[in-house]
Protein backbone atom coordinates (compact mmCIF):
# COMPACT_ATOMS: atom_id res chain seq x y z
CA UNK A 1 -1.92 44.27 226.21
CA UNK A 2 -4.22 46.66 225.00
CA UNK A 3 -5.12 50.55 225.64
CA UNK A 4 -2.81 53.42 225.66
CA UNK A 5 -0.55 51.82 228.34
CA UNK A 6 0.19 49.05 226.00
CA UNK A 7 0.90 51.20 223.22
CA UNK A 8 3.46 53.18 225.34
CA UNK A 9 4.78 50.15 226.97
CA UNK A 10 5.35 48.90 222.96
CA UNK A 11 6.94 51.97 222.09
CA UNK A 12 9.25 52.13 225.58
CA UNK A 13 10.38 48.74 224.81
CA UNK A 14 11.28 49.31 221.17
CA UNK A 15 13.45 52.34 222.41
CA UNK A 16 15.09 50.26 225.32
CA UNK A 17 15.90 47.50 223.07
CA UNK A 18 16.93 49.65 219.76
CA UNK A 19 19.35 51.88 222.06
CA UNK A 20 20.81 48.63 224.10
CA UNK A 21 21.45 47.23 220.75
CA UNK A 22 23.13 50.09 218.98
CA UNK A 23 25.37 51.09 222.22
CA UNK A 24 26.71 47.95 221.85
CA UNK A 25 26.96 46.94 218.35
CA UNK A 26 27.72 50.28 216.86
CA UNK A 27 31.43 51.04 216.72
CA UNK A 28 31.63 52.89 219.78
CA UNK A 29 33.88 51.20 222.36
CA UNK A 30 37.35 52.38 222.56
CA UNK A 31 36.32 55.32 220.64
CA UNK A 32 34.10 56.82 222.95
CA UNK A 33 34.62 57.51 226.65
CA UNK A 34 33.35 55.69 229.58
CA UNK A 35 30.91 58.26 230.78
CA UNK A 36 28.69 58.08 227.15
CA UNK A 37 28.05 54.75 227.85
CA UNK A 38 27.23 55.37 231.67
CA UNK A 39 25.03 58.25 230.41
CA UNK A 40 22.96 56.04 228.08
CA UNK A 41 22.79 53.10 229.86
CA UNK A 42 21.21 55.35 232.90
CA UNK A 43 18.60 56.58 230.61
CA UNK A 44 18.12 53.49 229.37
CA UNK A 45 17.22 52.19 232.86
CA UNK A 46 14.69 54.75 233.30
CA UNK A 47 13.04 54.07 230.15
CA UNK A 48 13.06 50.54 230.55
CA UNK A 49 11.04 50.53 233.99
CA UNK A 50 8.83 53.22 232.79
CA UNK A 51 8.43 50.42 229.76
CA UNK A 52 7.80 47.69 232.01
CA UNK A 53 5.14 49.62 234.53
CA UNK A 54 2.80 50.40 231.28
CA UNK A 55 3.52 46.66 230.38
CA UNK A 56 2.34 45.63 233.66
CA UNK A 57 -0.91 48.22 233.44
CA UNK A 58 -1.98 46.86 230.11
CA UNK A 59 -1.74 43.25 230.86
CA UNK A 60 -5.10 41.81 230.92
CA UNK A 61 -6.10 38.92 233.67
CA UNK A 62 -4.87 35.79 232.45
CA UNK A 63 -2.45 37.07 229.69
CA UNK A 64 1.18 36.34 228.99
CA UNK A 65 3.39 38.51 231.57
CA UNK A 66 6.34 37.63 229.15
CA UNK A 67 6.26 41.06 227.92
CA UNK A 68 6.64 42.92 231.42
CA UNK A 69 9.27 40.01 232.54
CA UNK A 70 11.48 40.39 229.49
CA UNK A 71 11.42 44.48 230.00
CA UNK A 72 12.20 43.68 234.03
CA UNK A 73 15.08 41.39 232.78
CA UNK A 74 16.36 43.85 230.23
CA UNK A 75 16.19 46.80 232.29
CA UNK A 76 18.12 44.66 235.42
CA UNK A 77 20.92 43.69 233.08
CA UNK A 78 20.82 47.55 231.88
CA UNK A 79 21.92 48.61 235.49
CA UNK A 80 24.42 45.90 236.32
CA UNK A 81 26.84 46.98 233.39
CA UNK A 82 26.32 50.83 234.25
CA UNK A 83 27.18 50.17 237.64
CA UNK A 84 30.47 47.84 236.70
CA UNK A 85 31.31 50.95 234.73
CA UNK A 86 30.96 53.23 237.40
CA UNK A 87 33.09 51.41 239.62
CA UNK A 88 35.32 50.93 236.46
CA UNK A 89 35.03 47.20 235.66
CA UNK A 90 35.13 48.28 232.08
CA UNK A 91 35.92 44.71 230.86
CA UNK A 92 33.03 43.01 232.98
CA UNK A 93 30.78 45.73 232.03
CA UNK A 94 31.29 45.51 228.13
CA UNK A 95 30.78 41.64 228.26
CA UNK A 96 27.59 42.12 230.17
CA UNK A 97 26.58 44.89 227.85
CA UNK A 98 27.25 42.81 224.93
CA UNK A 99 24.99 40.28 226.39
CA UNK A 100 21.98 42.24 226.62
CA UNK A 101 21.76 42.19 223.34
CA UNK A 102 20.03 39.20 223.27
CA UNK A 103 17.96 39.79 226.19
CA UNK A 104 16.99 43.15 223.88
CA UNK A 105 15.97 40.16 221.28
CA UNK A 106 14.13 38.29 223.73
CA UNK A 107 11.97 41.58 224.51
CA UNK A 108 10.98 42.33 221.00
CA UNK A 109 10.04 38.60 220.51
CA UNK A 110 7.73 38.94 223.58
CA UNK A 111 6.35 42.26 223.00
CA UNK A 112 5.41 40.62 219.51
CA UNK A 113 3.39 38.06 220.90
CA UNK A 114 0.99 40.46 221.88
CA UNK A 115 0.24 41.88 218.25
CA UNK A 116 -2.62 40.51 216.06
CA UNK A 117 -0.98 39.57 212.98
CA UNK A 118 1.23 36.75 212.37
CA UNK A 119 4.48 36.25 214.35
CA UNK A 120 7.06 37.50 211.37
CA UNK A 121 5.07 40.70 210.70
CA UNK A 122 4.95 41.35 214.17
CA UNK A 123 8.62 40.88 215.17
CA UNK A 124 9.81 42.88 211.98
CA UNK A 125 7.49 45.53 212.93
CA UNK A 126 8.79 45.92 216.33
CA UNK A 127 12.25 45.24 215.06
CA UNK A 128 12.02 48.26 212.81
CA UNK A 129 10.44 50.64 215.50
CA UNK A 130 13.28 49.56 217.74
CA UNK A 131 15.90 50.41 215.21
CA UNK A 132 13.99 53.83 214.44
CA UNK A 133 13.66 54.89 218.05
CA UNK A 134 17.50 53.57 218.93
CA UNK A 135 19.13 55.29 216.27
CA UNK A 136 17.14 58.52 217.05
CA UNK A 137 17.84 58.63 220.96
CA UNK A 138 21.22 57.22 220.84
CA UNK A 139 22.29 59.92 217.90
CA UNK A 140 20.43 63.02 220.12
CA UNK A 141 22.91 61.66 223.34
CA UNK A 142 25.98 61.14 221.30
CA UNK A 143 25.65 64.63 219.84
CA UNK A 144 25.68 66.17 222.87
CA UNK A 145 28.11 63.95 223.80
CA UNK A 146 30.77 65.79 221.36
CA UNK A 147 29.92 69.14 223.50
CA UNK A 148 32.08 66.96 226.59
CA UNK A 149 34.47 65.39 224.55
CA UNK A 150 35.68 68.16 221.73
CA UNK A 151 38.52 65.46 219.99
CA UNK A 152 35.88 62.85 219.49
CA UNK A 153 35.96 62.37 215.86
CA UNK A 154 33.03 62.28 213.19
CA UNK A 155 32.88 58.74 212.69
CA UNK A 156 30.30 57.32 215.68
CA UNK A 157 27.94 60.25 214.78
CA UNK A 158 28.31 59.54 211.07
CA UNK A 159 27.27 55.72 212.09
CA UNK A 160 23.87 56.85 213.79
CA UNK A 161 23.46 59.21 210.84
CA UNK A 162 23.81 56.43 208.33
CA UNK A 163 21.71 53.92 210.89
CA UNK A 164 18.79 56.50 210.92
CA UNK A 165 18.51 56.30 207.19
CA UNK A 166 18.35 52.29 206.95
CA UNK A 167 16.19 52.47 210.13
CA UNK A 168 13.51 54.99 208.34
CA UNK A 169 13.41 52.64 205.23
CA UNK A 170 12.29 49.97 207.51
CA UNK A 171 9.72 51.39 209.30
CA UNK A 172 8.23 53.12 206.58
CA UNK A 173 7.47 49.20 205.34
CA UNK A 174 6.29 48.42 208.85
CA UNK A 175 3.97 50.99 208.98
CA UNK A 176 2.76 50.35 205.03
CA UNK A 177 2.20 46.61 206.36
CA UNK A 178 -0.19 47.70 209.01
CA UNK A 179 -2.58 48.98 206.86
CA UNK A 180 -4.54 52.61 205.86
CA UNK A 181 -8.04 51.09 206.89
CA UNK A 182 -10.48 52.40 209.79
CA UNK A 183 -9.53 51.35 213.42
CA UNK A 184 -11.53 51.24 216.30
CA UNK A 185 -9.11 51.34 218.99
CA UNK A 186 -8.18 54.79 218.00
CA UNK A 187 -10.76 55.91 219.66
CA UNK A 188 -9.56 54.86 222.93
CA UNK A 189 -6.61 57.52 222.40
CA UNK A 190 -9.01 60.45 220.69
CA UNK A 191 -12.07 60.21 218.16
CA UNK A 192 -9.71 61.57 215.42
CA UNK A 193 -7.43 58.45 215.42
CA UNK A 194 -10.35 56.18 215.06
CA UNK A 195 -11.47 57.39 211.54
CA UNK A 196 -10.58 56.07 208.42
CA UNK A 197 -6.94 55.70 208.08
CA UNK A 198 -6.03 59.23 210.23
CA UNK A 199 -3.61 57.13 212.55
CA UNK A 200 -1.54 55.07 209.60
CA UNK A 201 -1.34 58.23 207.69
CA UNK A 202 -0.23 60.18 210.68
CA UNK A 203 2.47 57.50 211.44
CA UNK A 204 3.79 57.40 207.70
CA UNK A 205 3.68 61.23 207.86
CA UNK A 206 5.93 61.41 210.78
CA UNK A 207 8.54 58.67 209.43
CA UNK A 208 8.56 60.97 206.33
CA UNK A 209 9.02 63.50 208.20
CA UNK A 210 11.88 61.91 210.43
CA UNK A 211 13.50 60.65 206.95
CA UNK A 212 13.82 64.43 205.80
CA UNK A 213 15.49 65.23 209.21
CA UNK A 214 18.05 62.19 208.71
CA UNK A 215 18.39 63.60 205.24
CA UNK A 216 19.48 66.75 206.69
CA UNK A 217 21.52 65.58 209.19
CA UNK A 218 23.93 63.61 206.72
CA UNK A 219 24.14 66.73 204.77
CA UNK A 220 24.92 68.88 207.84
CA UNK A 221 27.76 66.40 208.77
CA UNK A 222 29.41 66.82 205.47
CA UNK A 223 30.60 70.18 206.90
CA UNK A 224 34.10 70.74 208.39
CA UNK A 225 33.14 73.10 211.00
CA UNK A 226 32.51 71.78 214.48
CA UNK A 227 29.29 73.79 214.54
CA UNK A 228 28.04 71.02 212.13
CA UNK A 229 27.76 68.25 215.20
CA UNK A 230 25.56 70.78 216.93
CA UNK A 231 23.71 71.82 214.10
CA UNK A 232 23.09 67.62 213.43
CA UNK A 233 22.41 67.37 216.93
CA UNK A 234 19.63 70.03 216.60
CA UNK A 235 18.20 67.99 213.79
CA UNK A 236 17.79 64.76 216.16
CA UNK A 237 16.47 66.94 218.38
CA UNK A 238 13.43 67.27 215.70
CA UNK A 239 13.66 63.43 214.88
CA UNK A 240 13.24 62.33 218.33
CA UNK A 241 9.60 64.23 218.26
CA UNK A 242 8.65 62.94 214.94
CA UNK A 243 9.80 59.73 215.34
CA UNK A 244 8.12 59.27 219.00
CA UNK A 245 4.96 60.65 217.43
CA UNK A 246 4.90 58.28 214.75
CA UNK A 247 5.73 55.19 216.61
CA UNK A 248 2.72 55.79 218.98
CA UNK A 249 0.52 56.51 216.02
CA UNK A 250 1.63 53.39 214.40
CA UNK A 251 1.27 51.34 217.15
CA UNK A 252 -2.38 52.09 217.91
CA UNK A 253 -3.18 49.41 215.28
CA UNK A 254 -0.90 47.10 216.53
CA UNK A 255 -2.58 45.59 219.39
CA UNK A 256 -5.86 43.55 219.41
CA UNK A 257 -8.99 45.68 219.40
CA UNK A 258 -11.17 44.00 221.91
């Protein structure tokens, strides 16, 4: 994969994989209503299909189709448990949902093979990005869900706030691993991004901005008033913007330059 479509495919794949993992591995089942899982799953199906399309567009002739295949399987599996939830087969849906987590991990490994670095470094960079984007997206959606379920305790959103703090730490390390030298690939996006270190410094700046937002979310959630969750949701909105911008800038250097 290469070019803008390849970068977009990476970011969308990270988002889908990370959100799926955080949805089913977080302590949400039995505490958050079924509708939240349906809402999140439906959104992830859309993101996954976009990721699959971007991966297909970015795949060069003769290259491995594993990334787009893994994205299609992950999206299909997600659609299955969403449909099971809609017909109220909650127990089966839960098991299918949990089973999609290994599929999400496979998609990270498949997309990591498209990178220029070592396999271990590439997997770490994409896994960190998946945690980063997944925590941001799920935190935002859950914050909105509190408007539907007024009686929901603070535990779930506090979990995502703490997860985001960990994720920004991992993402900072992932950006640093890519280095800060000049890149030619950035010219496909903008002549500015091809300048020495601009894409990397932009990525680092956006990640650090997200880290500051994550700290603000934790501080806001210490308040006892219901409006604290609304304020935290507003900060998650900002985090989505900075996280997405940071991930796009970071992944410009991830793909081969030729």
